[in-house]
């Protein structure tokens, strides 16, 4: 399944102010028994959201209703650290997030996210600190300009590796990008 093109995203934010949120917190290991991306949203931050009996916790930053209205996760520094598990971006995407903003995102998580259509956005510490103070504000992420803007006038630039940015803008993963040149590749092979 190819990701939807990511050009601009305007959505409310959900703030998780903790630093060092590792992939086991994003999706606990006991939910890694599938290779399907479907349905992993329920497992996203499961131990933060539910008791062991699938009962929603009272004190959780995640809304029980309207979860899909917050497509931008603003997280503390070193987000996505720990083990490499592609299930982590799958779970966040299936939950409804399309982007994660932090001052520092773990490299392996960032790579897995970019390959699966989830945009990791690293911004300067000052702007990040201000975003952390305001959960639920509207944020615009413009991938063409590599810029975020808030309804309160905050702005920050960010960088994305060029090939990953091209794939996100086109709504393809790296394999989908190559397959777009299938006829040219076939013509080249036929001419050899």
Protein backbone atom coordinates (compact mmCIF):
# COMPACT_ATOMS: atom_id res chain seq x y z
CA UNK A 1 0.00 0.00 0.00
CA UNK A 2 1.47 3.34 -1.06
CA UNK A 3 1.22 6.33 1.29
CA UNK A 4 -0.92 9.31 0.35
CA UNK A 5 1.02 12.29 -1.03
CA UNK A 6 2.23 14.58 1.73
CA UNK A 7 2.38 18.17 0.51
CA UNK A 8 0.75 20.23 3.25
CA UNK A 9 -0.85 19.11 6.47
CA UNK A 10 -2.85 21.37 8.75
CA UNK A 11 -4.07 19.77 11.93
CA UNK A 12 -4.33 20.05 15.69
CA UNK A 13 -1.36 18.88 17.70
CA UNK A 14 -1.09 16.38 20.49
CA UNK A 15 1.83 17.00 22.84
CA UNK A 16 3.78 14.30 24.68
CA UNK A 17 6.33 16.30 26.67
CA UNK A 18 8.42 13.30 27.76
CA UNK A 19 11.89 12.81 26.33
CA UNK A 20 13.32 9.45 25.27
CA UNK A 21 10.04 7.87 24.16
CA UNK A 22 11.30 4.59 22.77
CA UNK A 23 9.73 2.29 20.21
CA UNK A 24 8.54 -0.10 22.93
CA UNK A 25 6.41 2.70 24.34
CA UNK A 26 5.15 3.59 20.84
CA UNK A 27 4.09 -0.04 20.29
CA UNK A 28 4.83 -2.65 22.97
CA UNK A 29 6.70 -5.75 21.77
CA UNK A 30 3.74 -8.07 22.46
CA UNK A 31 1.90 -6.48 19.50
CA UNK A 32 4.65 -7.26 16.98
CA UNK A 33 3.17 -10.59 15.94
CA UNK A 34 1.92 -9.33 12.60
CA UNK A 35 3.47 -8.09 9.38
CA UNK A 36 0.27 -6.27 8.44
CA UNK A 37 0.07 -2.52 8.90
CA UNK A 38 -3.69 -2.64 9.35
CA UNK A 39 -5.15 -2.34 12.82
CA UNK A 40 -1.96 -1.38 14.66
CA UNK A 41 -3.41 2.00 15.68
CA UNK A 42 -5.13 0.38 18.64
CA UNK A 43 -1.70 -0.76 19.87
CA UNK A 44 -0.08 2.67 19.52
CA UNK A 45 0.98 3.83 22.98
CA UNK A 46 -1.18 1.01 24.32
CA UNK A 47 0.29 1.04 27.83
CA UNK A 48 -0.20 4.83 28.01
CA UNK A 49 -3.82 4.56 26.87
CA UNK A 50 -5.22 1.34 28.37
CA UNK A 51 -5.07 -0.87 31.40
CA UNK A 52 -4.16 -4.48 30.72
CA UNK A 53 -7.84 -5.22 30.13
CA UNK A 54 -8.41 -2.83 27.18
CA UNK A 55 -10.01 -0.33 29.56
CA UNK A 56 -9.10 3.26 28.67
CA UNK A 57 -7.07 4.98 31.36
CA UNK A 58 -8.49 8.12 32.90
CA UNK A 59 -5.24 10.07 32.94
CA UNK A 60 -3.81 9.91 29.43
CA UNK A 61 -2.81 12.60 26.94
CA UNK A 62 -4.65 10.67 24.21
CA UNK A 63 -8.28 11.65 23.62
CA UNK A 64 -10.74 8.76 23.65
CA UNK A 65 -12.85 10.48 21.03
CA UNK A 66 -11.65 12.54 18.10
CA UNK A 67 -8.24 10.91 18.03
CA UNK A 68 -8.02 11.22 14.25
CA UNK A 69 -8.43 15.00 14.46
CA UNK A 70 -4.90 15.34 15.84
CA UNK A 71 -2.60 14.27 13.04
CA UNK A 72 0.52 15.97 14.39
CA UNK A 73 2.37 14.53 17.38
CA UNK A 74 4.71 16.93 19.18
CA UNK A 75 7.06 14.83 21.29
CA UNK A 76 10.02 15.35 23.57
CA UNK A 77 13.63 15.00 22.54
CA UNK A 78 15.08 11.70 21.33
CA UNK A 79 11.71 10.43 20.11
CA UNK A 80 11.71 6.90 18.67
CA UNK A 81 14.89 5.74 20.37
CA UNK A 82 15.45 2.10 21.23
CA UNK A 83 15.08 -0.83 18.90
CA UNK A 84 14.37 -0.61 15.22
CA UNK A 85 10.83 -1.69 14.56
CA UNK A 86 8.93 -0.67 11.49
CA UNK A 87 5.74 -1.36 13.43
CA UNK A 88 6.25 1.93 15.32
CA UNK A 89 5.52 4.24 12.35
CA UNK A 90 2.85 1.79 11.13
CA UNK A 91 1.07 2.07 14.50
CA UNK A 92 1.31 5.88 14.55
CA UNK A 93 -0.03 6.12 10.99
CA UNK A 94 -2.88 3.71 11.69
CA UNK A 95 -3.73 5.72 14.82
CA UNK A 96 -4.06 8.80 12.61
CA UNK A 97 -0.77 10.70 12.92
CA UNK A 98 0.92 11.89 9.70
CA UNK A 99 3.82 13.78 11.30
CA UNK A 100 5.97 13.83 14.43
CA UNK A 101 7.66 17.05 15.50
CA UNK A 102 10.56 17.07 17.95
CA UNK A 103 13.89 18.73 18.52
CA UNK A 104 15.60 15.37 18.07
CA UNK A 105 14.28 12.16 16.52
CA UNK A 106 16.20 8.87 16.62
CA UNK A 107 17.83 8.06 13.27
CA UNK A 108 16.41 4.54 12.86
CA UNK A 109 12.89 5.68 13.67
CA UNK A 110 13.29 8.63 11.31
CA UNK A 111 14.36 6.31 8.48
CA UNK A 112 11.49 3.87 9.09
CA UNK A 113 9.00 6.75 9.29
CA UNK A 114 10.13 8.30 6.00
CA UNK A 115 9.88 4.95 4.18
CA UNK A 116 6.29 4.54 5.35
CA UNK A 117 4.77 7.99 4.79
CA UNK A 118 5.11 9.42 8.31
CA UNK A 119 6.95 12.76 8.28
CA UNK A 120 9.51 13.23 11.08
CA UNK A 121 10.13 16.97 11.59
CA UNK A 122 13.12 18.15 13.59
CA UNK A 123 13.05 21.83 14.54
CA UNK A 124 15.14 24.16 16.64
CA UNK A 125 14.95 23.77 20.42
CA UNK A 126 13.39 27.21 21.06
CA UNK A 127 10.42 26.69 18.73
CA UNK A 128 10.07 23.10 19.91
CA UNK A 129 9.88 24.25 23.55
CA UNK A 130 7.10 26.69 22.63
CA UNK A 131 5.14 23.98 20.79
CA UNK A 132 5.47 21.71 23.81
CA UNK A 133 3.62 24.28 25.92
CA UNK A 134 0.54 24.36 23.68
CA UNK A 135 -1.21 21.05 23.03
CA UNK A 136 -4.18 21.22 20.71
CA UNK A 137 -3.09 24.19 18.59
CA UNK A 138 -3.37 24.17 14.80
CA UNK A 139 -0.08 23.61 13.01
CA UNK A 140 0.56 23.80 9.28
CA UNK A 141 3.36 21.64 7.93
CA UNK A 142 4.34 22.61 4.40
CA UNK A 143 6.68 19.98 2.95
CA UNK A 144 7.22 21.89 -0.30
CA UNK A 145 8.69 24.83 1.65
CA UNK A 146 9.99 22.66 4.55
CA UNK A 147 8.30 25.02 6.98
CA UNK A 148 5.94 24.74 9.93
CA UNK A 149 3.65 27.57 11.04
CA UNK A 150 1.20 27.80 13.90
CA UNK A 151 -1.97 29.76 14.35
CA UNK A 152 -0.06 31.89 16.90
CA UNK A 153 2.67 32.96 14.49
CA UNK A 154 5.42 30.50 15.37
CA UNK A 155 7.49 29.46 12.36
CA UNK A 156 10.37 27.07 11.91
CA UNK A 157 12.23 25.57 9.01
CA UNK A 158 13.16 21.92 8.86
CA UNK A 159 15.16 19.67 6.56
CA UNK A 160 14.25 16.34 5.00
CA UNK A 161 16.59 14.10 3.05
CA UNK A 162 15.84 14.99 -0.63
CA UNK A 163 14.94 11.51 -1.93
CA UNK A 164 12.63 10.84 1.03
CA UNK A 165 11.04 14.27 0.55
CA UNK A 166 10.42 13.52 -3.17
CA UNK A 167 8.79 10.17 -2.26
CA UNK A 168 6.55 11.83 0.36
CA UNK A 169 5.49 14.58 -2.03
CA UNK A 170 4.69 11.98 -4.72
CA UNK A 171 2.96 9.59 -2.32
CA UNK A 172 5.21 6.63 -3.01
CA UNK A 173 7.67 4.58 -1.01
CA UNK A 174 11.20 3.98 -2.40
CA UNK A 175 10.08 0.86 -4.29
CA UNK A 176 7.07 2.73 -5.70
CA UNK A 177 9.43 5.44 -6.92
CA UNK A 178 11.52 2.87 -8.83
CA UNK A 179 8.41 1.18 -10.24
CA UNK A 180 7.35 4.51 -11.75
CA UNK A 181 10.26 4.03 -14.15
CA UNK A 182 9.33 0.44 -15.02
CA UNK A 183 8.74 1.07 -18.73
CA UNK A 184 12.02 3.01 -19.07
CA UNK A 185 13.88 0.22 -17.26
CA UNK A 186 12.28 -2.39 -19.53
CA UNK A 187 13.22 -0.37 -22.63
CA UNK A 188 16.81 -0.06 -21.40
CA UNK A 189 17.03 -3.80 -20.71
CA UNK A 190 15.55 -4.61 -24.14
CA UNK A 191 18.16 -2.42 -25.85
CA UNK A 192 21.15 -4.10 -24.12
